[in-house]
Amino acid sequence: MVVIDIVQITSQIVLINLLLNRVIKSKEDEHPGRQVTAFLVLLNVTLWLVDTFELQKSQASLVESEFYGPVTWVWLQRLTLPLAIFFRFHSTVVLIDCWKNSYRLEQKEEDAD
């Protein structure tokens, strides 16, 4: 499960970086990637809500608690949860911005000669 999360987060960061630099050359009827961006917005909002309002129980993950020790595991959960919440919220906002602005027409600079 952790490997899938790492792959998803890495590919999402790469997609956001590509979308932030995307500008179309002419009017196109197709907007490739817009549906994926909308899906990622919905996914990030959902995961943000779950992470924000879910009650975190250290006894829910006994394998990790046994591996790290109960005090260390609780400390790791309390340290990483705010980072996960921030990442999901920030990704949602950036993806909405990408969805709105990635398919804008390239503005040509006109010289005032």
C-alpha atoms as a PDB file:
ATOM      1  CA  MET A   1       0.000   0.000   0.000  1.00  0.00           C
ATOM      2  CA  VAL A   2       2.832   2.373   0.817  1.00  0.00           C
ATOM      3  CA  VAL A   3       4.507   1.698  -2.537  1.00  0.00           C
ATOM      4  CA  ILE A   4       1.274   2.592  -4.357  1.00  0.00           C
ATOM      5  CA  ASP A   5       1.043   5.841  -2.372  1.00  0.00           C
ATOM      6  CA  ILE A   6       4.636   6.756  -3.248  1.00  0.00           C
ATOM      7  CA  VAL A   7       4.064   6.038  -6.951  1.00  0.00           C
ATOM      8  CA  GLN A   8       0.824   8.076  -6.928  1.00  0.00           C
ATOM      9  CA  ILE A   9       2.409  11.051  -5.163  1.00  0.00           C
ATOM     10  CA  THR A  10       5.467  11.027  -7.430  1.00  0.00           C
ATOM     11  CA  SER A  11       3.427  10.809 -10.623  1.00  0.00           C
ATOM     12  CA  GLN A  12       1.089  13.536  -9.355  1.00  0.00           C
ATOM     13  CA  ILE A  13       4.020  15.870  -8.702  1.00  0.00           C
ATOM     14  CA  VAL A  14       5.389  15.193 -12.192  1.00  0.00           C
ATOM     15  CA  LEU A  15       1.946  15.846 -13.744  1.00  0.00           C
ATOM     16  CA  ILE A  16       1.535  19.103 -11.814  1.00  0.00           C
ATOM     17  CA  ASN A  17       4.962  20.253 -12.975  1.00  0.00           C
ATOM     18  CA  LEU A  18       4.090  19.460 -16.600  1.00  0.00           C
ATOM     19  CA  LEU A  19       0.707  21.203 -16.354  1.00  0.00           C
ATOM     20  CA  LEU A  20       2.177  24.345 -14.822  1.00  0.00           C
ATOM     21  CA  ASN A  21       4.425  24.765 -17.875  1.00  0.00           C
ATOM     22  CA  ARG A  22       1.771  23.894 -20.491  1.00  0.00           C
ATOM     23  CA  VAL A  23       0.654  26.512 -23.000  1.00  0.00           C
ATOM     24  CA  ILE A  24      -1.182  25.684 -26.219  1.00  0.00           C
ATOM     25  CA  LYS A  25      -0.141  27.270 -29.506  1.00  0.00           C
ATOM     26  CA  SER A  26      -3.572  27.631 -31.099  1.00  0.00           C
ATOM     27  CA  LYS A  27      -7.200  26.999 -30.320  1.00  0.00           C
ATOM     28  CA  GLU A  28      -7.690  23.291 -29.793  1.00  0.00           C
ATOM     29  CA  ASP A  29     -11.010  21.576 -29.223  1.00  0.00           C
ATOM     30  CA  GLU A  30      -9.393  18.799 -27.256  1.00  0.00           C
ATOM     31  CA  HIS A  31      -7.965  19.315 -23.799  1.00  0.00           C
ATOM     32  CA  PRO A  32      -5.955  16.178 -23.075  1.00  0.00           C
ATOM     33  CA  GLY A  33      -5.395  15.599 -19.396  1.00  0.00           C
ATOM     34  CA  ARG A  34      -8.217  17.791 -18.150  1.00  0.00           C
ATOM     35  CA  GLN A  35     -10.281  14.802 -17.023  1.00  0.00           C
ATOM     36  CA  VAL A  36      -7.289  13.352 -15.181  1.00  0.00           C
ATOM     37  CA  THR A  37      -6.725  16.697 -13.501  1.00  0.00           C
ATOM     38  CA  ALA A  38     -10.379  16.872 -12.426  1.00  0.00           C
ATOM     39  CA  PHE A  39     -10.151  13.319 -11.060  1.00  0.00           C
ATOM     40  CA  LEU A  40      -6.996  14.170  -9.104  1.00  0.00           C
ATOM     41  CA  VAL A  41      -8.722  17.244  -7.641  1.00  0.00           C
ATOM     42  CA  LEU A  42     -11.592  15.056  -6.443  1.00  0.00           C
ATOM     43  CA  LEU A  43      -9.177  12.418  -5.118  1.00  0.00           C
ATOM     44  CA  ASN A  44      -7.080  14.974  -3.229  1.00  0.00           C
ATOM     45  CA  VAL A  45     -10.131  16.681  -1.703  1.00  0.00           C
ATOM     46  CA  THR A  46     -11.431  13.310  -0.547  1.00  0.00           C
ATOM     47  CA  LEU A  47      -8.098  12.232   0.948  1.00  0.00           C
ATOM     48  CA  TRP A  48      -7.677  15.644   2.565  1.00  0.00           C
ATOM     49  CA  LEU A  49     -11.083  15.347   4.233  1.00  0.00           C
ATOM     50  CA  VAL A  50     -10.380  11.797   5.394  1.00  0.00           C
ATOM     51  CA  ASP A  51      -6.958  12.712   6.809  1.00  0.00           C
ATOM     52  CA  THR A  52      -8.310  15.849   8.472  1.00  0.00           C
ATOM     53  CA  PHE A  53     -11.381  14.428  10.169  1.00  0.00           C
ATOM     54  CA  GLU A  54     -10.444  10.789  10.703  1.00  0.00           C
ATOM     55  CA  LEU A  55      -9.699   9.767  14.272  1.00  0.00           C
ATOM     56  CA  GLN A  56      -6.130   8.498  14.342  1.00  0.00           C
ATOM     57  CA  LYS A  57      -5.741   5.416  16.535  1.00  0.00           C
ATOM     58  CA  SER A  58      -2.266   4.129  17.203  1.00  0.00           C
ATOM     59  CA  GLN A  59      -3.693   0.677  18.022  1.00  0.00           C
ATOM     60  CA  ALA A  60      -5.211   0.383  14.531  1.00  0.00           C
ATOM     61  CA  SER A  61      -1.816  -0.460  13.028  1.00  0.00           C
ATOM     62  CA  LEU A  62      -0.331  -3.077  15.337  1.00  0.00           C
ATOM     63  CA  VAL A  63       2.376  -4.263  12.932  1.00  0.00           C
ATOM     64  CA  GLU A  64       3.949  -0.817  12.701  1.00  0.00           C
ATOM     65  CA  SER A  65       3.529  -0.291  16.436  1.00  0.00           C
ATOM     66  CA  GLU A  66       5.383  -3.520  17.161  1.00  0.00           C
ATOM     67  CA  PHE A  67       8.132  -2.706  14.644  1.00  0.00           C
ATOM     68  CA  TYR A  68       8.831   0.886  15.739  1.00  0.00           C
ATOM     69  CA  GLY A  69       7.634   0.637  19.328  1.00  0.00           C
ATOM     70  CA  PRO A  70       4.393   2.206  20.563  1.00  0.00           C
ATOM     71  CA  VAL A  71       5.836   5.591  21.553  1.00  0.00           C
ATOM     72  CA  THR A  72       7.892   5.999  18.389  1.00  0.00           C
ATOM     73  CA  TRP A  73       4.967   4.959  16.196  1.00  0.00           C
ATOM     74  CA  VAL A  74       2.616   7.491  17.808  1.00  0.00           C
ATOM     75  CA  TRP A  75       5.308  10.162  17.423  1.00  0.00           C
ATOM     76  CA  LEU A  76       5.784   9.291  13.720  1.00  0.00           C
ATOM     77  CA  GLN A  77       2.022   9.438  13.124  1.00  0.00           C
ATOM     78  CA  ARG A  78       1.713  12.816  14.827  1.00  0.00           C
ATOM     79  CA  LEU A  79       4.651  14.169  12.833  1.00  0.00           C
ATOM     80  CA  THR A  80       3.644  12.945   9.368  1.00  0.00           C
ATOM     81  CA  LEU A  81      -0.120  13.519   9.498  1.00  0.00           C
ATOM     82  CA  PRO A  82       0.105  17.346   9.246  1.00  0.00           C
ATOM     83  CA  LEU A  83       2.488  16.962   6.298  1.00  0.00           C
ATOM     84  CA  ALA A  84       0.045  14.647   4.517  1.00  0.00           C
ATOM     85  CA  ILE A  85      -2.852  17.037   5.166  1.00  0.00           C
ATOM     86  CA  PHE A  86      -0.823  19.989   3.853  1.00  0.00           C
ATOM     87  CA  PHE A  87       0.276  18.057   0.753  1.00  0.00           C
ATOM     88  CA  ARG A  88      -3.283  17.019  -0.149  1.00  0.00           C
ATOM     89  CA  PHE A  89      -4.720  20.508   0.359  1.00  0.00           C
ATOM     90  CA  HIS A  90      -1.896  22.222  -1.527  1.00  0.00           C
ATOM     91  CA  SER A  91      -2.135  19.701  -4.377  1.00  0.00           C
ATOM     92  CA  THR A  92      -5.871  20.334  -4.623  1.00  0.00           C
ATOM     93  CA  VAL A  93      -5.383  24.092  -4.941  1.00  0.00           C
ATOM     94  CA  VAL A  94      -2.546  23.768  -7.469  1.00  0.00           C
ATOM     95  CA  LEU A  95      -4.484  21.226  -9.557  1.00  0.00           C
ATOM     96  CA  ILE A  96      -7.522  23.529  -9.671  1.00  0.00           C
ATOM     97  CA  ASP A  97      -5.221  26.298 -10.863  1.00  0.00           C
ATOM     98  CA  CYS A  98      -3.744  23.957 -13.479  1.00  0.00           C
ATOM     99  CA  TRP A  99      -7.231  22.912 -14.598  1.00  0.00           C
ATOM    100  CA  LYS A 100      -8.226  26.541 -15.138  1.00  0.00           C
ATOM    101  CA  ASN A 101      -5.013  27.909 -16.642  1.00  0.00           C
ATOM    102  CA  SER A 102      -3.136  25.093 -18.385  1.00  0.00           C
ATOM    103  CA  TYR A 103      -4.994  25.412 -21.633  1.00  0.00           C
ATOM    104  CA  ARG A 104      -4.746  29.162 -22.076  1.00  0.00           C
ATOM    105  CA  LEU A 105      -3.557  30.532 -25.396  1.00  0.00           C
ATOM    106  CA  GLU A 106       0.001  31.718 -25.643  1.00  0.00           C
ATOM    107  CA  GLN A 107       0.168  35.506 -25.373  1.00  0.00           C
ATOM    108  CA  LYS A 108       2.379  37.124 -27.997  1.00  0.00           C
ATOM    109  CA  GLU A 109       4.346  40.093 -26.828  1.00  0.00           C
ATOM    110  CA  GLU A 110       3.751  43.029 -29.125  1.00  0.00           C
ATOM    111  CA  ASP A 111       6.509  45.561 -29.517  1.00  0.00           C
ATOM    112  CA  ALA A 112       5.524  49.208 -29.211  1.00  0.00           C
ATOM    113  CA  ASP A 113       7.648  50.272 -32.184  1.00  0.00           C
END
